[in-house]
């Protein structure tokens, strides 16, 4: 940001024109508004180069307000008026509309000039073009969001990771408890995946994980549903608002989609293709229920399905 020049008082007294010349040579745009009339008594000619509106067109505070982006206008005007009425110097960042219909980010630095009796005489200030800074800040925010998303994403398969599940599951549990709606979980394990890795190698094993994850993610297609990799060859579907019958249908859909992929598994022990075993559970959480206990219960059902021969799902406790 270009700061307004500091001029020795002696220079101003000798030739006020020098002060104006220096002010108008800086990129900061000086202005003055008479408080009683709410009219501009001065605005720097640089305003036309920045926004396209001629220096002569800035007559009243209405001209200023109308040239603020509509999404920023009300809060900016209300803030500046309130601070000025209190006699408080302030700053405001907002988007100003150019004559061509584009917008420029402005930082308005406002000083309240008071009379000896304390009443407001005028407002003086400087407008600064902070578009480049805002663009850089927005880029940083975007990168931070992307990094945050990556931290919740499994790098191998592209689906959500355990961290994301551990964040979303407690929140959905509370929502289900408060609303009285059902919540379903499906925990999924790829059958004989160690044998798959041993036979086909880890590169092919990683590709298998990606394909299975893609299938499961496609099955959990509703916006509120979540497919996450818990670790290794284990995945989970978090299904808010899903009753027992719908959870069964979702599990069967997973099996059908996976079968359609026809991923060969020569060492399966179940068949010639990659299959999965699943534990399923549905609950309408009550005050006495515990989310971790429910998750552990579904995990036990998964191992019941595996013990019963794999390539199936189990939704009740032995």
C-alpha atoms as a PDB file:
ATOM      1  CA  UNK A   1       0.000   0.000   0.000  1.00  0.00           C
ATOM      2  CA  UNK A   2       1.296   3.469  -0.932  1.00  0.00           C
ATOM      3  CA  UNK A   3       1.061   5.744   2.095  1.00  0.00           C
ATOM      4  CA  UNK A   4       0.137   9.405   1.628  1.00  0.00           C
ATOM      5  CA  UNK A   5       3.154  11.707   1.702  1.00  0.00           C
ATOM      6  CA  UNK A   6       4.225  13.476   4.861  1.00  0.00           C
ATOM      7  CA  UNK A   7       4.631  17.193   4.091  1.00  0.00           C
ATOM      8  CA  UNK A   8       6.424  19.615   6.416  1.00  0.00           C
ATOM      9  CA  UNK A   9       3.953  22.286   7.670  1.00  0.00           C
ATOM     10  CA  UNK A  10       6.249  25.055   6.439  1.00  0.00           C
ATOM     11  CA  UNK A  11       5.908  23.832   2.856  1.00  0.00           C
ATOM     12  CA  UNK A  12       2.115  23.751   3.093  1.00  0.00           C
ATOM     13  CA  UNK A  13       1.986  27.273   4.494  1.00  0.00           C
ATOM     14  CA  UNK A  14       4.305  28.613   1.826  1.00  0.00           C
ATOM     15  CA  UNK A  15       2.436  27.019  -1.051  1.00  0.00           C
ATOM     16  CA  UNK A  16      -0.705  24.910  -0.469  1.00  0.00           C
ATOM     17  CA  UNK A  17      -0.571  23.999  -4.163  1.00  0.00           C
ATOM     18  CA  UNK A  18       2.554  21.964  -3.489  1.00  0.00           C
ATOM     19  CA  UNK A  19       0.611  19.801  -1.055  1.00  0.00           C
ATOM     20  CA  UNK A  20      -2.166  19.172  -3.580  1.00  0.00           C
ATOM     21  CA  UNK A  21       0.343  18.353  -6.312  1.00  0.00           C
ATOM     22  CA  UNK A  22       2.054  15.788  -4.121  1.00  0.00           C
ATOM     23  CA  UNK A  23      -1.254  14.273  -3.025  1.00  0.00           C
ATOM     24  CA  UNK A  24      -2.367  13.899  -6.603  1.00  0.00           C
ATOM     25  CA  UNK A  25       0.916  12.283  -7.639  1.00  0.00           C
ATOM     26  CA  UNK A  26       0.486   9.342  -5.253  1.00  0.00           C
ATOM     27  CA  UNK A  27      -1.578   6.244  -5.997  1.00  0.00           C
ATOM     28  CA  UNK A  28      -3.562   6.853  -2.816  1.00  0.00           C
ATOM     29  CA  UNK A  29      -6.707   8.792  -3.719  1.00  0.00           C
ATOM     30  CA  UNK A  30      -7.421  11.675  -1.294  1.00  0.00           C
ATOM     31  CA  UNK A  31     -10.964  12.886  -0.658  1.00  0.00           C
ATOM     32  CA  UNK A  32     -12.964  15.139   1.640  1.00  0.00           C
ATOM     33  CA  UNK A  33     -16.687  15.143   2.520  1.00  0.00           C
ATOM     34  CA  UNK A  34     -18.471  17.985   4.270  1.00  0.00           C
ATOM     35  CA  UNK A  35     -20.441  16.417   7.119  1.00  0.00           C
ATOM     36  CA  UNK A  36     -23.316  18.909   7.138  1.00  0.00           C
ATOM     37  CA  UNK A  37     -24.126  18.584   3.426  1.00  0.00           C
ATOM     38  CA  UNK A  38     -22.725  15.084   2.817  1.00  0.00           C
ATOM     39  CA  UNK A  39     -21.110  16.398  -0.341  1.00  0.00           C
ATOM     40  CA  UNK A  40     -17.632  15.816  -1.677  1.00  0.00           C
ATOM     41  CA  UNK A  41     -15.597  18.975  -1.456  1.00  0.00           C
ATOM     42  CA  UNK A  42     -12.638  17.218  -3.033  1.00  0.00           C
ATOM     43  CA  UNK A  43     -11.570  13.912  -4.528  1.00  0.00           C
ATOM     44  CA  UNK A  44      -8.270  13.229  -6.257  1.00  0.00           C
ATOM     45  CA  UNK A  45      -8.193  12.986 -10.053  1.00  0.00           C
ATOM     46  CA  UNK A  46      -6.616   9.505  -9.738  1.00  0.00           C
ATOM     47  CA  UNK A  47     -10.142   8.211  -9.123  1.00  0.00           C
ATOM     48  CA  UNK A  48     -10.907   8.353 -12.841  1.00  0.00           C
ATOM     49  CA  UNK A  49      -7.905   6.216 -13.779  1.00  0.00           C
ATOM     50  CA  UNK A  50      -8.801   3.641 -11.118  1.00  0.00           C
ATOM     51  CA  UNK A  51     -12.589   3.400 -11.480  1.00  0.00           C
ATOM     52  CA  UNK A  52     -13.401   5.219 -14.699  1.00  0.00           C
ATOM     53  CA  UNK A  53     -15.783   7.672 -13.011  1.00  0.00           C
ATOM     54  CA  UNK A  54     -14.798  11.276 -13.647  1.00  0.00           C
ATOM     55  CA  UNK A  55     -13.584  13.451 -10.804  1.00  0.00           C
ATOM     56  CA  UNK A  56     -16.546  15.771 -11.358  1.00  0.00           C
ATOM     57  CA  UNK A  57     -19.086  12.949 -10.956  1.00  0.00           C
ATOM     58  CA  UNK A  58     -18.333  12.461  -7.242  1.00  0.00           C
ATOM     59  CA  UNK A  59     -20.813  14.944  -5.830  1.00  0.00           C
ATOM     60  CA  UNK A  60     -22.418  13.379  -2.735  1.00  0.00           C
ATOM     61  CA  UNK A  61     -22.047  10.330  -0.489  1.00  0.00           C
ATOM     62  CA  UNK A  62     -24.806   8.744  -2.590  1.00  0.00           C
ATOM     63  CA  UNK A  63     -22.397   8.646  -5.531  1.00  0.00           C
ATOM     64  CA  UNK A  64     -19.922   6.819  -3.314  1.00  0.00           C
ATOM     65  CA  UNK A  65     -22.539   4.381  -1.962  1.00  0.00           C
ATOM     66  CA  UNK A  66     -24.023   3.595  -5.368  1.00  0.00           C
ATOM     67  CA  UNK A  67     -20.565   2.683  -6.680  1.00  0.00           C
ATOM     68  CA  UNK A  68     -20.021   0.047  -4.021  1.00  0.00           C
ATOM     69  CA  UNK A  69     -20.722  -3.545  -5.047  1.00  0.00           C
ATOM     70  CA  UNK A  70     -24.279  -4.445  -4.013  1.00  0.00           C
ATOM     71  CA  UNK A  71     -23.045  -7.358  -1.870  1.00  0.00           C
ATOM     72  CA  UNK A  72     -20.818  -4.995   0.141  1.00  0.00           C
ATOM     73  CA  UNK A  73     -22.910  -1.840   0.029  1.00  0.00           C
ATOM     74  CA  UNK A  74     -25.201  -2.054   3.047  1.00  0.00           C
ATOM     75  CA  UNK A  75     -22.663  -3.303   5.567  1.00  0.00           C
ATOM     76  CA  UNK A  76     -20.011  -0.847   4.350  1.00  0.00           C
ATOM     77  CA  UNK A  77     -22.293   2.202   4.426  1.00  0.00           C
ATOM     78  CA  UNK A  78     -23.787   1.281   7.807  1.00  0.00           C
ATOM     79  CA  UNK A  79     -20.356   0.703   9.322  1.00  0.00           C
ATOM     80  CA  UNK A  80     -18.839   3.937   7.990  1.00  0.00           C
ATOM     81  CA  UNK A  81     -21.824   6.051   9.000  1.00  0.00           C
ATOM     82  CA  UNK A  82     -21.919   4.571  12.505  1.00  0.00           C
ATOM     83  CA  UNK A  83     -18.190   5.082  13.061  1.00  0.00           C
ATOM     84  CA  UNK A  84     -18.295   8.611  11.678  1.00  0.00           C
ATOM     85  CA  UNK A  85     -21.232   9.573  13.890  1.00  0.00           C
ATOM     86  CA  UNK A  86     -19.201   8.382  16.880  1.00  0.00           C
ATOM     87  CA  UNK A  87     -16.257  10.417  15.687  1.00  0.00           C
ATOM     88  CA  UNK A  88     -14.106   7.301  15.340  1.00  0.00           C
ATOM     89  CA  UNK A  89     -11.418   7.027  12.671  1.00  0.00           C
ATOM     90  CA  UNK A  90     -11.848   3.791  10.743  1.00  0.00           C
ATOM     91  CA  UNK A  91     -11.026   1.662   7.722  1.00  0.00           C
ATOM     92  CA  UNK A  92     -13.325  -0.216   5.365  1.00  0.00           C
ATOM     93  CA  UNK A  93     -12.540  -2.774   2.658  1.00  0.00           C
ATOM     94  CA  UNK A  94     -15.087  -3.172  -0.119  1.00  0.00           C
ATOM     95  CA  UNK A  95     -15.493  -3.757  -3.827  1.00  0.00           C
ATOM     96  CA  UNK A  96     -16.034  -0.590  -5.839  1.00  0.00           C
ATOM     97  CA  UNK A  97     -17.796  -0.834  -9.202  1.00  0.00           C
ATOM     98  CA  UNK A  98     -15.947   0.624 -12.177  1.00  0.00           C
ATOM     99  CA  UNK A  99     -17.718   2.555 -14.903  1.00  0.00           C
ATOM    100  CA  UNK A 100     -17.191  -0.503 -17.156  1.00  0.00           C
ATOM    101  CA  UNK A 101     -19.028  -2.726 -14.670  1.00  0.00           C
ATOM    102  CA  UNK A 102     -16.014  -4.520 -13.194  1.00  0.00           C
ATOM    103  CA  UNK A 103     -14.958  -4.232  -9.570  1.00  0.00           C
ATOM    104  CA  UNK A 104     -11.842  -3.104  -7.735  1.00  0.00           C
ATOM    105  CA  UNK A 105     -11.059  -3.849  -4.103  1.00  0.00           C
ATOM    106  CA  UNK A 106     -10.740  -0.598  -2.165  1.00  0.00           C
ATOM    107  CA  UNK A 107      -9.466   0.140   1.309  1.00  0.00           C
ATOM    108  CA  UNK A 108     -10.922   3.426   2.545  1.00  0.00           C
ATOM    109  CA  UNK A 109      -8.988   4.977   5.431  1.00  0.00           C
ATOM    110  CA  UNK A 110     -11.214   7.600   7.091  1.00  0.00           C
ATOM    111  CA  UNK A 111     -10.322  10.367   9.551  1.00  0.00           C
ATOM    112  CA  UNK A 112     -13.059  12.319  11.329  1.00  0.00           C
ATOM    113  CA  UNK A 113     -12.313  16.037  11.602  1.00  0.00           C
ATOM    114  CA  UNK A 114     -13.959  17.714  14.611  1.00  0.00           C
ATOM    115  CA  UNK A 115     -14.619  21.316  15.519  1.00  0.00           C
ATOM    116  CA  UNK A 116     -13.392  22.745  18.836  1.00  0.00           C
ATOM    117  CA  UNK A 117     -16.814  21.976  20.358  1.00  0.00           C
ATOM    118  CA  UNK A 118     -16.473  18.314  19.393  1.00  0.00           C
ATOM    119  CA  UNK A 119     -19.022  18.266  16.590  1.00  0.00           C
ATOM    120  CA  UNK A 120     -18.089  16.581  13.297  1.00  0.00           C
ATOM    121  CA  UNK A 121     -16.972  19.022  10.651  1.00  0.00           C
ATOM    122  CA  UNK A 122     -15.862  16.749   7.846  1.00  0.00           C
ATOM    123  CA  UNK A 123     -14.474  13.395   6.830  1.00  0.00           C
ATOM    124  CA  UNK A 124     -11.152  13.149   5.075  1.00  0.00           C
ATOM    125  CA  UNK A 125      -9.436  10.059   3.869  1.00  0.00           C
ATOM    126  CA  UNK A 126      -7.591   8.070   1.275  1.00  0.00           C
ATOM    127  CA  UNK A 127      -8.749   5.273  -1.016  1.00  0.00           C
ATOM    128  CA  UNK A 128      -6.223   2.559  -1.808  1.00  0.00           C
ATOM    129  CA  UNK A 129      -6.440  -0.060  -4.531  1.00  0.00           C
ATOM    130  CA  UNK A 130      -5.892  -3.361  -2.684  1.00  0.00           C
ATOM    131  CA  UNK A 131      -7.017  -5.680  -5.504  1.00  0.00           C
ATOM    132  CA  UNK A 132      -3.607  -7.344  -5.837  1.00  0.00           C
ATOM    133  CA  UNK A 133      -3.450  -7.958  -2.113  1.00  0.00           C
ATOM    134  CA  UNK A 134      -6.983  -9.369  -2.060  1.00  0.00           C
ATOM    135  CA  UNK A 135      -6.185 -11.647  -4.977  1.00  0.00           C
ATOM    136  CA  UNK A 136      -3.121 -12.951  -3.124  1.00  0.00           C
ATOM    137  CA  UNK A 137      -5.130 -13.415   0.085  1.00  0.00           C
ATOM    138  CA  UNK A 138      -7.888 -15.257  -1.768  1.00  0.00           C
ATOM    139  CA  UNK A 139      -5.294 -17.525  -3.377  1.00  0.00           C
ATOM    140  CA  UNK A 140      -3.849 -18.337   0.042  1.00  0.00           C
ATOM    141  CA  UNK A 141      -7.332 -19.107   1.394  1.00  0.00           C
ATOM    142  CA  UNK A 142      -8.019 -21.331  -1.619  1.00  0.00           C
ATOM    143  CA  UNK A 143      -4.754 -23.201  -1.096  1.00  0.00           C
ATOM    144  CA  UNK A 144      -5.535 -23.619   2.597  1.00  0.00           C
ATOM    145  CA  UNK A 145      -8.933 -25.078   1.731  1.00  0.00           C
ATOM    146  CA  UNK A 146      -7.358 -27.429  -0.806  1.00  0.00           C
ATOM    147  CA  UNK A 147      -4.803 -28.567   1.761  1.00  0.00           C
ATOM    148  CA  UNK A 148      -7.575 -29.102   4.300  1.00  0.00           C
ATOM    149  CA  UNK A 149      -9.521 -31.177   1.795  1.00  0.00           C
ATOM    150  CA  UNK A 150      -6.402 -33.203   1.033  1.00  0.00           C
ATOM    151  CA  UNK A 151      -5.913 -33.857   4.742  1.00  0.00           C
ATOM    152  CA  UNK A 152      -9.362 -35.495   4.791  1.00  0.00           C
ATOM    153  CA  UNK A 153      -8.802 -37.468   1.589  1.00  0.00           C
ATOM    154  CA  UNK A 154      -7.157 -40.867   1.239  1.00  0.00           C
ATOM    155  CA  UNK A 155      -4.237 -40.268  -1.104  1.00  0.00           C
ATOM    156  CA  UNK A 156      -4.365 -43.736  -2.686  1.00  0.00           C
ATOM    157  CA  UNK A 157      -8.053 -44.215  -3.372  1.00  0.00           C
ATOM    158  CA  UNK A 158      -9.369 -40.641  -3.443  1.00  0.00           C
ATOM    159  CA  UNK A 159     -12.235 -41.352  -1.036  1.00  0.00           C
ATOM    160  CA  UNK A 160     -12.470 -39.853   2.446  1.00  0.00           C
ATOM    161  CA  UNK A 161      -9.945 -41.078   5.003  1.00  0.00           C
ATOM    162  CA  UNK A 162     -10.243 -42.237   8.618  1.00  0.00           C
ATOM    163  CA  UNK A 163      -9.773 -38.671   9.851  1.00  0.00           C
ATOM    164  CA  UNK A 164     -12.788 -37.526   7.865  1.00  0.00           C
ATOM    165  CA  UNK A 165     -14.907 -40.411   9.151  1.00  0.00           C
ATOM    166  CA  UNK A 166     -13.855 -39.705  12.746  1.00  0.00           C
ATOM    167  CA  UNK A 167     -14.932 -36.090  12.225  1.00  0.00           C
ATOM    168  CA  UNK A 168     -18.254 -36.678  10.457  1.00  0.00           C
ATOM    169  CA  UNK A 169     -19.495 -39.767  12.319  1.00  0.00           C
ATOM    170  CA  UNK A 170     -19.901 -38.103  15.763  1.00  0.00           C
ATOM    171  CA  UNK A 171     -21.668 -35.149  14.161  1.00  0.00           C
ATOM    172  CA  UNK A 172     -24.099 -37.392  12.282  1.00  0.00           C
ATOM    173  CA  UNK A 173     -24.668 -39.392  15.460  1.00  0.00           C
ATOM    174  CA  UNK A 174     -25.746 -36.258  17.323  1.00  0.00           C
ATOM    175  CA  UNK A 175     -27.992 -35.196  14.431  1.00  0.00           C
ATOM    176  CA  UNK A 176     -29.670 -38.610  14.355  1.00  0.00           C
ATOM    177  CA  UNK A 177     -30.122 -38.593  18.133  1.00  0.00           C
ATOM    178  CA  UNK A 178     -31.658 -35.107  18.118  1.00  0.00           C
ATOM    179  CA  UNK A 179     -33.894 -35.685  15.080  1.00  0.00           C
ATOM    180  CA  UNK A 180     -34.963 -39.246  15.822  1.00  0.00           C
ATOM    181  CA  UNK A 181     -33.909 -40.353  12.340  1.00  0.00           C
ATOM    182  CA  UNK A 182     -32.082 -43.649  11.703  1.00  0.00           C
ATOM    183  CA  UNK A 183     -28.351 -43.863  11.102  1.00  0.00           C
ATOM    184  CA  UNK A 184     -26.758 -46.827   9.321  1.00  0.00           C
ATOM    185  CA  UNK A 185     -23.178 -48.026   9.006  1.00  0.00           C
ATOM    186  CA  UNK A 186     -21.699 -50.564   6.618  1.00  0.00           C
ATOM    187  CA  UNK A 187     -18.132 -51.715   7.310  1.00  0.00           C
ATOM    188  CA  UNK A 188     -16.543 -53.456   4.333  1.00  0.00           C
ATOM    189  CA  UNK A 189     -13.451 -55.626   4.000  1.00  0.00           C
ATOM    190  CA  UNK A 190     -11.978 -57.002   0.765  1.00  0.00           C
ATOM    191  CA  UNK A 191     -11.904 -60.777   0.960  1.00  0.00           C
ATOM    192  CA  UNK A 192      -8.460 -62.440   1.006  1.00  0.00           C
ATOM    193  CA  UNK A 193      -6.706 -59.210   0.079  1.00  0.00           C
ATOM    194  CA  UNK A 194      -3.351 -60.354   1.475  1.00  0.00           C
ATOM    195  CA  UNK A 195      -3.425 -63.277  -0.922  1.00  0.00           C
ATOM    196  CA  UNK A 196      -4.324 -60.874  -3.737  1.00  0.00           C
ATOM    197  CA  UNK A 197      -1.273 -58.731  -2.932  1.00  0.00           C
ATOM    198  CA  UNK A 198       0.991 -61.752  -2.643  1.00  0.00           C
ATOM    199  CA  UNK A 199      -0.149 -63.120  -5.995  1.00  0.00           C
ATOM    200  CA  UNK A 200      -0.475 -59.959  -8.109  1.00  0.00           C
ATOM    201  CA  UNK A 201       1.972 -57.627  -6.329  1.00  0.00           C
ATOM    202  CA  UNK A 202       1.463 -54.361  -4.478  1.00  0.00           C
ATOM    203  CA  UNK A 203       1.116 -52.212  -7.585  1.00  0.00           C
ATOM    204  CA  UNK A 204      -1.822 -54.288  -8.760  1.00  0.00           C
ATOM    205  CA  UNK A 205      -3.051 -54.419  -5.157  1.00  0.00           C
ATOM    206  CA  UNK A 206      -3.180 -50.617  -5.035  1.00  0.00           C
ATOM    207  CA  UNK A 207      -5.132 -50.581  -8.273  1.00  0.00           C
ATOM    208  CA  UNK A 208      -7.576 -53.089  -6.790  1.00  0.00           C
ATOM    209  CA  UNK A 209      -8.080 -50.831  -3.766  1.00  0.00           C
ATOM    210  CA  UNK A 210      -8.768 -47.867  -6.043  1.00  0.00           C
ATOM    211  CA  UNK A 211     -11.343 -49.807  -8.073  1.00  0.00           C
ATOM    212  CA  UNK A 212     -13.136 -51.108  -4.994  1.00  0.00           C
ATOM    213  CA  UNK A 213     -13.151 -47.614  -3.476  1.00  0.00           C
ATOM    214  CA  UNK A 214     -14.624 -46.220  -6.690  1.00  0.00           C
ATOM    215  CA  UNK A 215     -17.418 -48.804  -6.560  1.00  0.00           C
ATOM    216  CA  UNK A 216     -18.228 -48.119  -2.910  1.00  0.00           C
ATOM    217  CA  UNK A 217     -18.144 -44.370  -3.440  1.00  0.00           C
ATOM    218  CA  UNK A 218     -20.544 -44.751  -6.372  1.00  0.00           C
ATOM    219  CA  UNK A 219     -22.923 -46.704  -4.119  1.00  0.00           C
ATOM    220  CA  UNK A 220     -22.819 -43.917  -1.508  1.00  0.00           C
ATOM    221  CA  UNK A 221     -23.896 -41.339  -4.052  1.00  0.00           C
ATOM    222  CA  UNK A 222     -26.338 -39.276  -1.984  1.00  0.00           C
ATOM    223  CA  UNK A 223     -24.927 -35.924  -0.791  1.00  0.00           C
ATOM    224  CA  UNK A 224     -25.216 -36.806   2.922  1.00  0.00           C
ATOM    225  CA  UNK A 225     -23.599 -40.235   2.557  1.00  0.00           C
ATOM    226  CA  UNK A 226     -19.911 -40.846   3.104  1.00  0.00           C
ATOM    227  CA  UNK A 227     -17.543 -43.518   1.841  1.00  0.00           C
ATOM    228  CA  UNK A 228     -14.252 -43.609   3.750  1.00  0.00           C
ATOM    229  CA  UNK A 229     -11.212 -45.836   3.835  1.00  0.00           C
ATOM    230  CA  UNK A 230     -10.577 -46.874   7.420  1.00  0.00           C
ATOM    231  CA  UNK A 231      -7.185 -48.343   6.603  1.00  0.00           C
ATOM    232  CA  UNK A 232      -5.677 -51.230   4.648  1.00  0.00           C
ATOM    233  CA  UNK A 233      -8.452 -53.002   2.746  1.00  0.00           C
ATOM    234  CA  UNK A 234     -11.228 -51.830   5.089  1.00  0.00           C
ATOM    235  CA  UNK A 235     -13.841 -49.229   4.174  1.00  0.00           C
ATOM    236  CA  UNK A 236     -16.986 -47.807   5.740  1.00  0.00           C
ATOM    237  CA  UNK A 237     -20.218 -46.326   4.427  1.00  0.00           C
ATOM    238  CA  UNK A 238     -21.862 -43.761   6.719  1.00  0.00           C
ATOM    239  CA  UNK A 239     -25.538 -43.494   5.784  1.00  0.00           C
ATOM    240  CA  UNK A 240     -27.555 -40.803   7.626  1.00  0.00           C
ATOM    241  CA  UNK A 241     -31.322 -41.084   7.460  1.00  0.00           C
ATOM    242  CA  UNK A 242     -31.064 -44.672   6.185  1.00  0.00           C
ATOM    243  CA  UNK A 243     -33.207 -47.415   7.742  1.00  0.00           C
ATOM    244  CA  UNK A 244     -32.334 -51.098   7.978  1.00  0.00           C
ATOM    245  CA  UNK A 245     -33.961 -52.114   4.688  1.00  0.00           C
ATOM    246  CA  UNK A 246     -32.312 -49.276   2.779  1.00  0.00           C
ATOM    247  CA  UNK A 247     -28.940 -50.198   4.313  1.00  0.00           C
ATOM    248  CA  UNK A 248     -29.390 -53.779   3.075  1.00  0.00           C
ATOM    249  CA  UNK A 249     -30.159 -52.455  -0.405  1.00  0.00           C
ATOM    250  CA  UNK A 250     -27.054 -50.264  -0.269  1.00  0.00           C
ATOM    251  CA  UNK A 251     -24.897 -53.246   0.729  1.00  0.00           C
ATOM    252  CA  UNK A 252     -26.344 -55.390  -2.045  1.00  0.00           C
ATOM    253  CA  UNK A 253     -25.746 -52.553  -4.492  1.00  0.00           C
ATOM    254  CA  UNK A 254     -22.077 -52.546  -3.487  1.00  0.00           C
ATOM    255  CA  UNK A 255     -21.808 -56.262  -4.199  1.00  0.00           C
ATOM    256  CA  UNK A 256     -23.515 -55.903  -7.589  1.00  0.00           C
ATOM    257  CA  UNK A 257     -21.315 -53.006  -8.689  1.00  0.00           C
ATOM    258  CA  UNK A 258     -18.181 -54.825  -7.597  1.00  0.00           C
ATOM    259  CA  UNK A 259     -19.200 -58.010  -9.398  1.00  0.00           C
ATOM    260  CA  UNK A 260     -19.709 -55.974 -12.563  1.00  0.00           C
ATOM    261  CA  UNK A 261     -16.075 -54.861 -12.348  1.00  0.00           C
ATOM    262  CA  UNK A 262     -14.941 -58.496 -12.721  1.00  0.00           C
ATOM    263  CA  UNK A 263     -11.640 -57.971 -10.903  1.00  0.00           C
ATOM    264  CA  UNK A 264      -9.882 -61.320 -11.158  1.00  0.00           C
ATOM    265  CA  UNK A 265      -8.665 -62.926  -7.932  1.00  0.00           C
ATOM    266  CA  UNK A 266      -6.996 -66.265  -8.587  1.00  0.00           C
ATOM    267  CA  UNK A 267      -6.274 -66.881  -4.893  1.00  0.00           C
ATOM    268  CA  UNK A 268      -9.589 -65.810  -3.411  1.00  0.00           C
ATOM    269  CA  UNK A 269     -10.860 -69.025  -1.886  1.00  0.00           C
ATOM    270  CA  UNK A 270     -14.360 -67.638  -2.475  1.00  0.00           C
ATOM    271  CA  UNK A 271     -14.523 -67.493  -6.247  1.00  0.00           C
ATOM    272  CA  UNK A 272     -12.552 -66.229  -9.207  1.00  0.00           C
ATOM    273  CA  UNK A 273     -13.336 -62.526  -8.643  1.00  0.00           C
ATOM    274  CA  UNK A 274     -12.644 -59.976  -5.915  1.00  0.00           C
ATOM    275  CA  UNK A 275     -15.454 -59.958  -3.353  1.00  0.00           C
ATOM    276  CA  UNK A 276     -16.171 -58.172  -0.070  1.00  0.00           C
ATOM    277  CA  UNK A 277     -17.597 -59.023   3.335  1.00  0.00           C
ATOM    278  CA  UNK A 278     -19.730 -56.509   5.221  1.00  0.00           C
ATOM    279  CA  UNK A 279     -21.095 -55.772   8.653  1.00  0.00           C
ATOM    280  CA  UNK A 280     -24.274 -53.673   8.730  1.00  0.00           C
ATOM    281  CA  UNK A 281     -26.100 -51.858  11.478  1.00  0.00           C
ATOM    282  CA  UNK A 282     -28.914 -49.346  11.875  1.00  0.00           C
ATOM    283  CA  UNK A 283     -29.792 -47.359  14.967  1.00  0.00           C
ATOM    284  CA  UNK A 284     -31.891 -44.446  16.100  1.00  0.00           C
ATOM    285  CA  UNK A 285     -29.505 -43.257  18.827  1.00  0.00           C
ATOM    286  CA  UNK A 286     -30.931 -42.652  22.247  1.00  0.00           C
ATOM    287  CA  UNK A 287     -29.399 -40.731  25.124  1.00  0.00           C
ATOM    288  CA  UNK A 288     -28.004 -43.952  26.562  1.00  0.00           C
ATOM    289  CA  UNK A 289     -26.396 -45.137  23.318  1.00  0.00           C
ATOM    290  CA  UNK A 290     -22.688 -44.707  22.522  1.00  0.00           C
ATOM    291  CA  UNK A 291     -21.321 -44.098  19.022  1.00  0.00           C
ATOM    292  CA  UNK A 292     -18.114 -46.061  19.633  1.00  0.00           C
ATOM    293  CA  UNK A 293     -19.992 -49.054  21.025  1.00  0.00           C
ATOM    294  CA  UNK A 294     -22.227 -49.082  17.941  1.00  0.00           C
ATOM    295  CA  UNK A 295     -19.209 -48.904  15.629  1.00  0.00           C
ATOM    296  CA  UNK A 296     -17.550 -51.799  17.463  1.00  0.00           C
ATOM    297  CA  UNK A 297     -20.757 -53.808  17.109  1.00  0.00           C
ATOM    298  CA  UNK A 298     -20.768 -53.342  13.329  1.00  0.00           C
ATOM    299  CA  UNK A 299     -17.103 -54.303  13.193  1.00  0.00           C
ATOM    300  CA  UNK A 300     -17.920 -57.580  14.994  1.00  0.00           C
ATOM    301  CA  UNK A 301     -20.651 -58.262  12.459  1.00  0.00           C
ATOM    302  CA  UNK A 302     -18.092 -57.847   9.691  1.00  0.00           C
ATOM    303  CA  UNK A 303     -15.964 -60.569  11.206  1.00  0.00           C
ATOM    304  CA  UNK A 304     -19.053 -62.761  11.602  1.00  0.00           C
ATOM    305  CA  UNK A 305     -19.620 -62.393   7.854  1.00  0.00           C
ATOM    306  CA  UNK A 306     -16.014 -63.365   7.201  1.00  0.00           C
ATOM    307  CA  UNK A 307     -16.233 -66.333   9.546  1.00  0.00           C
ATOM    308  CA  UNK A 308     -19.403 -67.478   7.817  1.00  0.00           C
ATOM    309  CA  UNK A 309     -17.605 -67.826   4.490  1.00  0.00           C
ATOM    310  CA  UNK A 310     -17.089 -64.269   3.187  1.00  0.00           C
ATOM    311  CA  UNK A 311     -18.740 -62.620   0.140  1.00  0.00           C
ATOM    312  CA  UNK A 312     -21.782 -61.742   2.260  1.00  0.00           C
ATOM    313  CA  UNK A 313     -23.058 -59.298   4.845  1.00  0.00           C
ATOM    314  CA  UNK A 314     -24.202 -59.738   8.422  1.00  0.00           C
ATOM    315  CA  UNK A 315     -26.597 -57.381  10.179  1.00  0.00           C
ATOM    316  CA  UNK A 316     -27.231 -59.104  13.513  1.00  0.00           C
ATOM    317  CA  UNK A 317     -25.181 -60.121  16.505  1.00  0.00           C
ATOM    318  CA  UNK A 318     -24.320 -63.767  17.015  1.00  0.00           C
END
